[in-house]
């Protein structure tokens, strides 16, 4: 251990700050836009509850990871230690909006109740992450990397990359050039004049194009300073926590919590591969505490360790970029100036960054697994594709003033196996991991391991965690209970028996 004191801030921290800040800013823009347009949540809740709660989580979390980086720097005597990136999780944001808050609003027409259930989802996500800090290493050893990364890649290619690609090509004059600048910066590693970060250049160019082409006409930019004090919302959380309807959304909340634990663990491993070896337990514990704090003070969206540490390290960022990000994002959320940013910067100017993130996640799922496991990664993509496909079907029906409940499944009989799509969509994160894990062990000819994963699938389908569903006026809902999906339970038991038989035969013939 050394007594050397690392600098609080280096010039390269600015590069990391702009990149992480823009990423976090886009999450805030999405929160405001989606809560307004889809959930119809009043601004008093968005700017007076959700954003202040997010500010607490982001500020405290970023300062912790900056402090953690400085501690590691002191222990190792190195000055090139980079803090773990941290912020609102994009995947959870979309999952909670589209699979929890939106269905509740559509069913009850009560946006405040949808927000309260969102608080519970965020809170339970944090609790799962705290518990996960104790068992994360064991989970990592039991689950093939291809199974972990394919679930991540499936979500990235659908709910991140596809959605933002559509948005980019819907407004090409504004969005294509910023997207190209992002790719020039992150794919070609081209440096811009004055050393400006690629993300900042893309935002500036996209904003200039939007205003220059008249796309922002009717909007007036006003900083709109209005102090928003964080408010304790434990009473609202408690009310929703004990409501029976919450059971309908555990199939989203529970796997998303596990997903965040696994994703954070992978990002810690990624940081270690880049040269910064952080302890797993405190890193994951801080992650969970941040989400719990967010929920207790009004935010329905969990925070987590981000992907991208090697990139920020390559830029030369250290610990200062994390602290700067926390201060700036908290300032926007607590002062109301986020509204001025939303009126000044078009969403299309920055979504190329999220498209890039989705691309990298998909690419890494193949690059960071053994070459022979690529088919398993590909198989694990299908459940997420089914989930996204169902979302498109439901969106199309809503545009026509209908719902899946009204139209019925039989209307799709000749053109789409809708029952199979919905079945694969329910609990799709678990299904993705299970299918990819089975494929990995079949590729490795470890038939008994494949049988055990089939047995896990049978157990999950038996209680309704995966595949079981029912149509309701508010949309597709999971059906929980004993033998909730008997046809899948029996099918997976048959797979269990099949793989056991093949394994026994293989041993016998050796």
Protein backbone atom coordinates (compact mmCIF):
# COMPACT_ATOMS: atom_id res chain seq x y z
CA UNK A 1 0.00 0.00 0.00
CA UNK A 2 1.25 3.48 -0.81
CA UNK A 3 0.64 6.89 0.74
CA UNK A 4 0.56 8.68 -2.63
CA UNK A 5 -2.49 10.88 -3.16
CA UNK A 6 -3.99 10.73 -6.66
CA UNK A 7 -5.11 14.03 -8.23
CA UNK A 8 -8.78 14.92 -7.83
CA UNK A 9 -9.10 15.89 -11.44
CA UNK A 10 -7.14 15.49 -14.70
CA UNK A 11 -7.88 17.13 -18.06
CA UNK A 12 -8.98 13.84 -19.60
CA UNK A 13 -11.77 13.67 -17.02
CA UNK A 14 -13.57 16.21 -19.19
CA UNK A 15 -13.76 13.70 -22.04
CA UNK A 16 -15.24 11.07 -19.75
CA UNK A 17 -17.58 13.60 -18.14
CA UNK A 18 -19.09 14.73 -21.45
CA UNK A 19 -19.64 11.15 -22.59
CA UNK A 20 -21.19 9.91 -19.34
CA UNK A 21 -23.14 13.13 -18.82
CA UNK A 22 -24.69 12.97 -22.27
CA UNK A 23 -25.63 9.33 -21.72
CA UNK A 24 -27.27 10.19 -18.39
CA UNK A 25 -28.92 13.25 -19.92
CA UNK A 26 -30.52 11.10 -22.61
CA UNK A 27 -31.97 8.87 -19.90
CA UNK A 28 -33.50 11.94 -18.23
CA UNK A 29 -34.92 13.09 -21.58
CA UNK A 30 -36.44 9.64 -22.08
CA UNK A 31 -37.91 9.63 -18.58
CA UNK A 32 -39.57 13.02 -19.07
CA UNK A 33 -40.77 12.23 -22.59
CA UNK A 34 -42.10 8.73 -21.89
CA UNK A 35 -43.73 9.62 -18.57
CA UNK A 36 -45.45 12.59 -20.21
CA UNK A 37 -46.50 11.01 -23.49
CA UNK A 38 -47.24 7.42 -22.49
CA UNK A 39 -48.08 7.50 -18.77
CA UNK A 40 -49.51 11.06 -18.81
CA UNK A 41 -47.90 11.67 -15.43
CA UNK A 42 -48.28 15.29 -14.28
CA UNK A 43 -45.16 17.46 -14.37
CA UNK A 44 -45.44 17.90 -10.60
CA UNK A 45 -44.54 14.21 -10.22
CA UNK A 46 -41.94 14.10 -13.00
CA UNK A 47 -40.03 17.21 -11.93
CA UNK A 48 -41.00 17.21 -8.26
CA UNK A 49 -40.62 13.51 -7.40
CA UNK A 50 -38.91 11.35 -10.05
CA UNK A 51 -36.04 13.66 -11.03
CA UNK A 52 -35.10 14.73 -7.46
CA UNK A 53 -35.10 11.06 -6.44
CA UNK A 54 -32.90 10.21 -9.39
CA UNK A 55 -30.60 13.12 -8.46
CA UNK A 56 -29.95 11.66 -4.99
CA UNK A 57 -29.13 8.23 -6.38
CA UNK A 58 -26.91 9.52 -9.20
CA UNK A 59 -25.04 12.01 -7.00
CA UNK A 60 -24.33 9.60 -4.15
CA UNK A 61 -23.49 6.71 -6.50
CA UNK A 62 -21.10 8.69 -8.67
CA UNK A 63 -19.31 10.06 -5.61
CA UNK A 64 -18.98 6.54 -4.18
CA UNK A 65 -17.44 5.14 -7.36
CA UNK A 66 -15.12 8.17 -7.63
CA UNK A 67 -14.03 7.56 -4.01
CA UNK A 68 -13.62 3.85 -4.74
CA UNK A 69 -11.34 4.65 -7.68
CA UNK A 70 -9.21 6.94 -5.50
CA UNK A 71 -8.93 4.22 -2.87
CA UNK A 72 -7.78 1.71 -5.48
CA UNK A 73 -5.30 4.27 -6.79
CA UNK A 74 -3.82 4.70 -3.30
CA UNK A 75 -3.64 0.95 -2.71
CA UNK A 76 -1.90 0.22 -6.00
CA UNK A 77 0.18 3.39 -6.32
CA UNK A 78 -1.24 3.95 -9.82
CA UNK A 79 -2.63 7.23 -11.10
CA UNK A 80 -4.42 5.74 -14.12
CA UNK A 81 -7.34 4.15 -12.22
CA UNK A 82 -10.72 4.88 -13.83
CA UNK A 83 -13.95 4.95 -11.81
CA UNK A 84 -16.78 2.61 -12.71
CA UNK A 85 -19.42 4.50 -14.77
CA UNK A 86 -22.81 4.76 -13.11
CA UNK A 87 -26.27 6.05 -13.94
CA UNK A 88 -29.87 5.17 -14.80
CA UNK A 89 -30.19 1.81 -16.48
CA UNK A 90 -31.61 2.12 -20.01
CA UNK A 91 -32.93 -1.44 -20.14
CA UNK A 92 -34.72 -1.14 -16.80
CA UNK A 93 -36.11 2.25 -17.84
CA UNK A 94 -37.78 0.74 -20.90
CA UNK A 95 -38.85 -2.41 -19.07
CA UNK A 96 -40.52 -0.47 -16.25
CA UNK A 97 -42.20 1.99 -18.62
CA UNK A 98 -43.51 -0.52 -21.18
CA UNK A 99 -44.07 -3.62 -19.03
CA UNK A 100 -45.16 -2.12 -15.69
CA UNK A 101 -46.21 1.53 -15.71
CA UNK A 102 -47.83 1.64 -19.17
CA UNK A 103 -50.01 -1.48 -18.69
CA UNK A 104 -51.15 -0.17 -15.32
CA UNK A 105 -52.05 3.21 -16.80
CA UNK A 106 -53.91 1.58 -19.69
CA UNK A 107 -55.89 -0.55 -17.27
CA UNK A 108 -56.64 2.05 -14.56
CA UNK A 109 -56.14 5.39 -16.38
CA UNK A 110 -54.40 6.49 -13.16
CA UNK A 111 -50.86 7.77 -13.88
CA UNK A 112 -50.10 8.35 -10.18
CA UNK A 113 -50.88 4.71 -9.37
CA UNK A 114 -48.59 3.62 -12.22
CA UNK A 115 -45.85 5.77 -10.67
CA UNK A 116 -46.39 4.22 -7.23
CA UNK A 117 -46.02 0.69 -8.62
CA UNK A 118 -42.90 1.93 -10.43
CA UNK A 119 -41.49 2.97 -7.04
CA UNK A 120 -42.00 -0.59 -5.78
CA UNK A 121 -40.30 -1.99 -8.88
CA UNK A 122 -37.29 0.27 -8.36
CA UNK A 123 -37.17 -0.53 -4.62
CA UNK A 124 -37.36 -4.30 -5.13
CA UNK A 125 -34.74 -4.02 -7.87
CA UNK A 126 -32.41 -2.42 -5.32
CA UNK A 127 -33.19 -5.11 -2.72
CA UNK A 128 -32.40 -7.84 -5.25
CA UNK A 129 -29.11 -6.11 -6.07
CA UNK A 130 -28.21 -5.88 -2.37
CA UNK A 131 -28.94 -9.61 -1.94
CA UNK A 132 -27.07 -10.26 -5.17
CA UNK A 133 -23.94 -8.70 -3.71
CA UNK A 134 -23.70 -11.75 -1.42
CA UNK A 135 -24.24 -14.41 -4.11
CA UNK A 136 -23.07 -12.79 -7.37
CA UNK A 137 -19.88 -14.81 -7.66
CA UNK A 138 -21.77 -18.09 -7.25
CA UNK A 139 -24.27 -17.08 -9.95
CA UNK A 140 -21.42 -16.22 -12.29
CA UNK A 141 -19.80 -19.62 -11.79
CA UNK A 142 -23.05 -21.51 -12.44
CA UNK A 143 -24.11 -19.62 -15.56
CA UNK A 144 -22.23 -19.75 -18.87
CA UNK A 145 -21.08 -16.36 -20.08
CA UNK A 146 -22.94 -16.88 -23.37
CA UNK A 147 -26.19 -17.23 -21.41
CA UNK A 148 -25.57 -14.00 -19.51
CA UNK A 149 -24.53 -11.96 -22.51
CA UNK A 150 -27.15 -13.25 -24.95
CA UNK A 151 -29.95 -12.01 -22.69
CA UNK A 152 -28.25 -8.61 -22.62
CA UNK A 153 -27.72 -8.64 -26.38
CA UNK A 154 -31.34 -9.54 -27.09
CA UNK A 155 -32.57 -6.51 -25.17
CA UNK A 156 -29.91 -4.30 -26.77
CA UNK A 157 -30.79 -5.24 -30.33
CA UNK A 158 -34.54 -4.79 -29.80
CA UNK A 159 -35.50 -2.28 -27.13
CA UNK A 160 -32.40 -0.12 -27.61
CA UNK A 161 -30.94 -0.36 -31.11
CA UNK A 162 -34.12 -1.01 -33.13
CA UNK A 163 -36.16 1.67 -31.44
CA UNK A 164 -33.51 4.35 -31.81
CA UNK A 165 -32.71 3.30 -35.37
CA UNK A 166 -36.35 3.93 -36.26
CA UNK A 167 -36.19 7.33 -34.58
CA UNK A 168 -33.02 8.23 -36.46
CA UNK A 169 -34.44 7.29 -39.86
CA UNK A 170 -37.70 9.06 -39.07
CA UNK A 171 -35.76 12.36 -38.95
CA UNK A 172 -32.70 11.78 -41.18
CA UNK A 173 -31.85 15.45 -41.76
CA UNK A 174 -31.39 15.95 -38.04
CA UNK A 175 -30.27 12.55 -36.77
CA UNK A 176 -28.09 10.88 -39.44
CA UNK A 177 -25.16 13.29 -39.25
CA UNK A 178 -24.93 13.13 -35.42
CA UNK A 179 -25.09 9.33 -35.67
CA UNK A 180 -22.24 9.36 -38.20
CA UNK A 181 -20.17 11.60 -35.90
CA UNK A 182 -20.67 9.10 -33.06
CA UNK A 183 -19.51 6.25 -35.30
CA UNK A 184 -16.52 8.28 -36.54
CA UNK A 185 -15.53 8.94 -32.93
CA UNK A 186 -16.17 5.51 -31.41
CA UNK A 187 -15.62 3.18 -34.37
CA UNK A 188 -12.74 4.98 -36.10
CA UNK A 189 -11.37 6.58 -32.89
CA UNK A 190 -11.02 9.86 -34.76
CA UNK A 191 -10.22 12.84 -32.57
CA UNK A 192 -12.07 16.09 -33.17
CA UNK A 193 -10.62 19.63 -33.15
CA UNK A 194 -9.69 20.99 -29.70
CA UNK A 195 -9.97 17.44 -28.39
CA UNK A 196 -13.77 17.74 -28.10
CA UNK A 197 -15.53 14.47 -27.19
CA UNK A 198 -17.43 12.85 -30.05
CA UNK A 199 -20.66 12.76 -28.06
CA UNK A 200 -20.51 16.50 -27.41
CA UNK A 201 -19.78 17.23 -31.09
CA UNK A 202 -22.76 15.09 -32.14
CA UNK A 203 -25.08 16.88 -29.70
CA UNK A 204 -23.91 20.32 -30.88
CA UNK A 205 -24.24 19.48 -34.59
CA UNK A 206 -27.64 17.80 -34.15
CA UNK A 207 -28.95 20.73 -32.13
CA UNK A 208 -27.69 23.22 -34.75
CA UNK A 209 -29.34 21.21 -37.55
CA UNK A 210 -32.65 21.00 -35.68
CA UNK A 211 -32.82 24.73 -35.03
CA UNK A 212 -31.44 25.66 -38.45
CA UNK A 213 -33.99 23.49 -40.28
CA UNK A 214 -36.90 24.79 -38.22
CA UNK A 215 -37.59 21.49 -36.46
CA UNK A 216 -37.61 23.27 -33.08
CA UNK A 217 -40.05 25.98 -34.14
CA UNK A 218 -42.56 26.79 -31.47
CA UNK A 219 -40.12 25.92 -28.67
CA UNK A 220 -38.58 28.68 -26.59
CA UNK A 221 -35.43 28.07 -24.63
CA UNK A 222 -35.66 29.19 -21.05
CA UNK A 223 -33.43 27.93 -18.26
CA UNK A 224 -36.52 27.95 -15.99
CA UNK A 225 -34.74 27.74 -12.65
CA UNK A 226 -37.12 26.22 -10.06
CA UNK A 227 -35.73 24.48 -7.02
CA UNK A 228 -37.13 20.96 -6.51
CA UNK A 229 -36.47 19.61 -3.03
CA UNK A 230 -36.31 15.79 -2.67
CA UNK A 231 -39.39 14.45 -0.91
CA UNK A 232 -39.59 11.15 1.00
CA UNK A 233 -42.10 8.90 -0.80
CA UNK A 234 -41.97 5.84 1.42
CA UNK A 235 -45.71 6.06 2.15
CA UNK A 236 -46.60 5.81 -1.57
CA UNK A 237 -44.15 2.93 -1.98
CA UNK A 238 -45.60 1.11 1.04
CA UNK A 239 -49.15 1.50 -0.28
CA UNK A 240 -48.28 -0.13 -3.61
CA UNK A 241 -46.02 -2.77 -2.09
CA UNK A 242 -48.92 -4.59 -0.45
CA UNK A 243 -51.39 -4.27 -3.30
CA UNK A 244 -52.40 -7.68 -4.77
CA UNK A 245 -52.03 -6.39 -8.34
CA UNK A 246 -48.27 -6.16 -7.81
CA UNK A 247 -48.00 -9.93 -8.34
CA UNK A 248 -48.78 -9.41 -12.03
CA UNK A 249 -45.48 -7.58 -12.52
CA UNK A 250 -43.07 -9.75 -10.54
CA UNK A 251 -42.15 -11.54 -13.78
CA UNK A 252 -40.63 -8.23 -14.92
CA UNK A 253 -39.34 -6.90 -11.58
CA UNK A 254 -37.59 -10.07 -10.45
CA UNK A 255 -35.69 -10.89 -13.65
CA UNK A 256 -34.76 -7.22 -14.15
CA UNK A 257 -33.22 -7.20 -10.67
CA UNK A 258 -31.24 -10.33 -11.46
CA UNK A 259 -30.35 -8.89 -14.85
CA UNK A 260 -28.93 -5.76 -13.21
CA UNK A 261 -26.89 -7.87 -10.78
CA UNK A 262 -25.49 -9.95 -13.62
CA UNK A 263 -24.90 -6.90 -15.82
CA UNK A 264 -23.06 -5.07 -13.05
CA UNK A 265 -20.96 -8.15 -12.36
CA UNK A 266 -20.01 -8.36 -16.02
CA UNK A 267 -19.06 -4.67 -16.03
CA UNK A 268 -16.88 -5.17 -12.95
CA UNK A 269 -15.17 -8.02 -14.78
CA UNK A 270 -14.77 -5.78 -17.82
CA UNK A 271 -13.08 -3.15 -15.65
CA UNK A 272 -10.73 -5.78 -14.25
CA UNK A 273 -9.80 -6.86 -17.78
CA UNK A 274 -8.96 -3.21 -18.50
CA UNK A 275 -6.63 -3.11 -15.49
CA UNK A 276 -8.82 -1.86 -12.61
CA UNK A 277 -9.67 -4.65 -10.18
CA UNK A 278 -12.58 -3.57 -8.00
CA UNK A 279 -14.02 -5.66 -5.19
CA UNK A 280 -17.35 -7.18 -6.17
CA UNK A 281 -19.21 -6.92 -2.86
CA UNK A 282 -18.97 -3.16 -2.18
CA UNK A 283 -19.50 -2.34 -5.85
CA UNK A 284 -22.76 -4.29 -6.05
CA UNK A 285 -23.88 -3.22 -2.58
CA UNK A 286 -23.55 0.47 -3.51
CA UNK A 287 -25.48 -0.30 -6.68
CA UNK A 288 -28.42 -1.71 -4.73
CA UNK A 289 -28.42 1.01 -2.09
CA UNK A 290 -28.54 3.63 -4.86
CA UNK A 291 -31.73 2.11 -6.33
CA UNK A 292 -33.37 1.79 -2.91
CA UNK A 293 -32.58 5.45 -2.17
CA UNK A 294 -33.98 6.47 -5.57
CA UNK A 295 -37.29 4.71 -4.83
CA UNK A 296 -37.61 6.13 -1.31
CA UNK A 297 -37.30 9.65 -2.72
CA UNK A 298 -39.59 9.34 -5.73
CA UNK A 299 -37.71 7.81 -8.69
CA UNK A 300 -39.21 4.75 -10.37
CA UNK A 301 -36.00 3.98 -12.26
CA UNK A 302 -33.03 2.06 -10.82
CA UNK A 303 -29.43 3.12 -11.19
CA UNK A 304 -26.61 0.73 -11.92
CA UNK A 305 -22.99 0.30 -13.01
CA UNK A 306 -22.76 1.13 -16.70
CA UNK A 307 -21.15 -0.70 -19.53
CA UNK A 308 -18.18 1.16 -21.04
CA UNK A 309 -15.44 1.39 -18.40
CA UNK A 310 -12.69 0.36 -20.88
CA UNK A 311 -13.81 3.14 -23.22
CA UNK A 312 -13.61 5.84 -20.58
CA UNK A 313 -10.26 4.45 -19.47
CA UNK A 314 -9.03 4.58 -23.07
CA UNK A 315 -10.02 8.27 -23.15
CA UNK A 316 -7.85 8.88 -20.08
CA UNK A 317 -10.65 9.60 -17.58
CA UNK A 318 -9.90 8.85 -13.93
CA UNK A 319 -12.13 9.52 -10.90
CA UNK A 320 -13.04 13.16 -11.52
CA UNK A 321 -15.33 12.42 -14.46
CA UNK A 322 -17.64 10.42 -12.21
CA UNK A 323 -17.90 13.14 -9.56
CA UNK A 324 -18.47 15.82 -12.21
CA UNK A 325 -21.26 13.77 -13.76
CA UNK A 326 -23.00 13.36 -10.40
CA UNK A 327 -22.84 17.07 -9.64
CA UNK A 328 -24.06 18.20 -13.07
CA UNK A 329 -26.94 15.71 -13.39
CA UNK A 330 -28.07 16.45 -9.82
CA UNK A 331 -28.00 20.17 -10.59
CA UNK A 332 -30.24 19.69 -13.64
CA UNK A 333 -32.72 17.54 -11.71
CA UNK A 334 -32.89 19.68 -8.56
CA UNK A 335 -33.10 23.09 -10.21
CA UNK A 336 -35.65 22.44 -12.95
CA UNK A 337 -33.15 23.47 -15.64
CA UNK A 338 -33.62 20.06 -17.24
CA UNK A 339 -36.75 21.54 -18.85
CA UNK A 340 -34.65 24.19 -20.57
CA UNK A 341 -32.29 21.48 -21.86
CA UNK A 342 -35.26 19.50 -23.19
CA UNK A 343 -36.56 22.54 -25.06
CA UNK A 344 -33.12 23.31 -26.51
CA UNK A 345 -31.66 19.91 -27.41
CA UNK A 346 -33.72 17.58 -29.67
CA UNK A 347 -33.75 13.90 -28.75
CA UNK A 348 -32.54 13.02 -32.26
CA UNK A 349 -29.27 14.86 -31.64
CA UNK A 350 -28.08 12.35 -29.07
CA UNK A 351 -29.77 9.02 -29.71
CA UNK A 352 -26.86 7.91 -31.91
CA UNK A 353 -24.97 7.33 -28.66
CA UNK A 354 -27.59 4.85 -27.48
CA UNK A 355 -27.60 3.15 -30.86
CA UNK A 356 -23.83 2.76 -30.49
CA UNK A 357 -24.27 1.29 -27.00
CA UNK A 358 -26.75 -1.26 -28.31
CA UNK A 359 -24.40 -2.22 -31.15
CA UNK A 360 -21.46 -2.69 -28.77
CA UNK A 361 -23.49 -4.83 -26.36
CA UNK A 362 -24.57 -7.13 -29.20
CA UNK A 363 -21.04 -7.30 -30.58
CA UNK A 364 -19.53 -8.06 -27.17
CA UNK A 365 -21.95 -10.93 -26.61
CA UNK A 366 -20.22 -12.71 -29.49
CA UNK A 367 -16.70 -11.36 -28.96
CA UNK A 368 -16.43 -12.13 -25.25
CA UNK A 369 -17.63 -15.73 -25.45
CA UNK A 370 -15.81 -18.74 -26.90
CA UNK A 371 -16.18 -18.91 -30.68
CA UNK A 372 -17.94 -22.25 -30.54
CA UNK A 373 -20.65 -20.77 -28.28
CA UNK A 374 -21.83 -18.29 -30.93
CA UNK A 375 -24.89 -20.45 -31.84
CA UNK A 376 -25.93 -20.39 -28.16
CA UNK A 377 -25.73 -16.60 -28.10
CA UNK A 378 -27.83 -16.44 -31.27
CA UNK A 379 -30.47 -18.78 -29.77
CA UNK A 380 -30.67 -16.59 -26.68
CA UNK A 381 -31.69 -13.60 -28.80
CA UNK A 382 -35.06 -15.07 -29.82
CA UNK A 383 -37.05 -14.44 -26.60
CA UNK A 384 -36.20 -10.72 -26.68
CA UNK A 385 -37.16 -10.60 -30.35
CA UNK A 386 -40.51 -12.13 -29.40
CA UNK A 387 -40.99 -9.53 -26.67
CA UNK A 388 -40.22 -6.70 -29.07
CA UNK A 389 -42.46 -8.23 -31.75
CA UNK A 390 -45.37 -8.43 -29.32
CA UNK A 391 -44.77 -4.79 -28.39
CA UNK A 392 -45.03 -3.86 -32.08
CA UNK A 393 -48.25 -5.89 -32.49
CA UNK A 394 -49.85 -4.21 -29.48
CA UNK A 395 -48.70 -0.76 -30.62
CA UNK A 396 -50.23 -1.35 -34.04
CA UNK A 397 -53.53 -2.46 -32.55
CA UNK A 398 -53.62 0.55 -30.23
CA UNK A 399 -53.04 2.84 -33.21
CA UNK A 400 -56.16 1.32 -34.77
CA UNK A 401 -58.14 1.85 -31.57
CA UNK A 402 -58.14 -1.85 -30.70
CA UNK A 403 -56.44 -4.15 -28.22
CA UNK A 404 -55.25 -7.74 -28.30
CA UNK A 405 -57.96 -8.57 -25.78
CA UNK A 406 -60.66 -7.23 -28.13
CA UNK A 407 -59.27 -8.72 -31.33
CA UNK A 408 -58.45 -12.14 -29.85
CA UNK A 409 -55.70 -14.56 -30.78
CA UNK A 410 -57.71 -16.43 -33.40
CA UNK A 411 -57.56 -13.40 -35.73
CA UNK A 412 -53.82 -14.03 -36.14
CA UNK A 413 -54.10 -17.76 -36.83
CA UNK A 414 -53.38 -17.53 -40.56
CA UNK A 415 -50.54 -15.01 -40.42
CA UNK A 416 -48.75 -15.17 -37.05
CA UNK A 417 -48.22 -17.77 -34.33
CA UNK A 418 -49.27 -15.20 -31.74
CA UNK A 419 -49.66 -17.77 -28.93
CA UNK A 420 -46.05 -18.81 -29.36
CA UNK A 421 -44.89 -15.18 -29.48
CA UNK A 422 -46.66 -14.31 -26.22
CA UNK A 423 -45.50 -17.51 -24.54
CA UNK A 424 -41.88 -16.79 -25.44
CA UNK A 425 -42.27 -13.15 -24.38
CA UNK A 426 -43.42 -13.91 -20.83
CA UNK A 427 -40.31 -13.89 -18.60
CA UNK A 428 -38.15 -13.57 -21.71
CA UNK A 429 -34.97 -12.67 -19.83
CA UNK A 430 -35.09 -16.00 -18.00
CA UNK A 431 -36.03 -17.87 -21.18
CA UNK A 432 -33.10 -16.31 -23.00
CA UNK A 433 -30.62 -17.38 -20.33
CA UNK A 434 -32.07 -20.87 -20.10
CA UNK A 435 -32.12 -21.55 -23.85
CA UNK A 436 -28.58 -20.19 -24.29
CA UNK A 437 -27.30 -22.19 -21.30
CA UNK A 438 -28.84 -25.42 -22.64
CA UNK A 439 -27.25 -24.71 -26.02
CA UNK A 440 -23.83 -24.09 -24.46
CA UNK A 441 -23.86 -27.40 -22.60
CA UNK A 442 -25.06 -29.29 -25.66
CA UNK A 443 -22.22 -27.77 -27.69
CA UNK A 444 -19.81 -28.88 -24.96
CA UNK A 445 -21.52 -32.31 -24.81
CA UNK A 446 -22.24 -31.83 -21.10
CA UNK A 447 -25.66 -33.41 -21.31
CA UNK A 448 -26.34 -33.67 -17.59
CA UNK A 449 -25.83 -29.90 -17.19
CA UNK A 450 -28.24 -29.30 -20.07
CA UNK A 451 -30.73 -31.57 -18.30
CA UNK A 452 -30.46 -29.52 -15.09
CA UNK A 453 -31.17 -26.28 -16.95
CA UNK A 454 -34.19 -27.97 -18.56
CA UNK A 455 -35.41 -28.90 -15.11
CA UNK A 456 -35.00 -25.26 -14.03
CA UNK A 457 -37.11 -24.22 -17.03
CA UNK A 458 -39.78 -26.75 -16.04
CA UNK A 459 -39.84 -25.31 -12.51
CA UNK A 460 -40.08 -21.71 -13.75
CA UNK A 461 -42.90 -22.52 -16.18
CA UNK A 462 -44.72 -24.55 -13.52
CA UNK A 463 -45.17 -21.47 -11.30
CA UNK A 464 -45.65 -18.94 -14.11
CA UNK A 465 -42.32 -17.12 -14.12
CA UNK A 466 -41.97 -17.94 -17.82
CA UNK A 467 -44.47 -18.66 -20.62
CA UNK A 468 -47.76 -18.50 -18.64
CA UNK A 469 -50.08 -15.65 -19.58
CA UNK A 470 -53.63 -14.43 -19.87
CA UNK A 471 -55.25 -11.67 -21.90
CA UNK A 472 -56.75 -8.79 -19.96
CA UNK A 473 -58.32 -5.48 -21.05
CA UNK A 474 -55.08 -3.82 -19.94
CA UNK A 475 -52.89 -6.11 -22.04
CA UNK A 476 -51.03 -9.40 -21.65
CA UNK A 477 -50.52 -10.37 -18.00
CA UNK A 478 -48.51 -13.18 -16.44
CA UNK A 479 -50.46 -15.99 -14.82
CA UNK A 480 -48.96 -17.31 -11.60
CA UNK A 481 -49.91 -20.45 -9.71
CA UNK A 482 -49.32 -24.18 -9.60
CA UNK A 483 -48.93 -25.61 -13.11
CA UNK A 484 -49.60 -22.18 -14.59
CA UNK A 485 -48.26 -23.39 -17.93
CA UNK A 486 -48.63 -27.19 -17.94
CA UNK A 487 -47.78 -27.77 -21.62
CA UNK A 488 -44.39 -26.08 -21.17
CA UNK A 489 -43.75 -27.75 -17.84
CA UNK A 490 -44.29 -31.19 -19.38
CA UNK A 491 -42.22 -30.27 -22.44
CA UNK A 492 -39.23 -29.18 -20.36
CA UNK A 493 -39.50 -32.32 -18.22
CA UNK A 494 -39.33 -34.33 -21.46
CA UNK A 495 -36.17 -32.38 -22.40
CA UNK A 496 -34.76 -33.19 -18.97
CA UNK A 497 -35.38 -36.91 -19.54
CA UNK A 498 -34.01 -36.73 -23.11
CA UNK A 499 -30.75 -35.08 -22.11
CA UNK A 500 -30.31 -37.47 -19.19
CA UNK A 501 -30.80 -40.41 -21.55
CA UNK A 502 -28.32 -39.03 -24.08
CA UNK A 503 -25.79 -38.36 -21.32
CA UNK A 504 -26.22 -41.84 -19.91
CA UNK A 505 -25.86 -43.37 -23.39
CA UNK A 506 -22.76 -41.34 -24.10
CA UNK A 507 -21.10 -42.49 -20.86
CA UNK A 508 -22.09 -46.09 -21.54
CA UNK A 509 -20.58 -46.11 -25.04
CA UNK A 510 -17.24 -44.55 -24.06
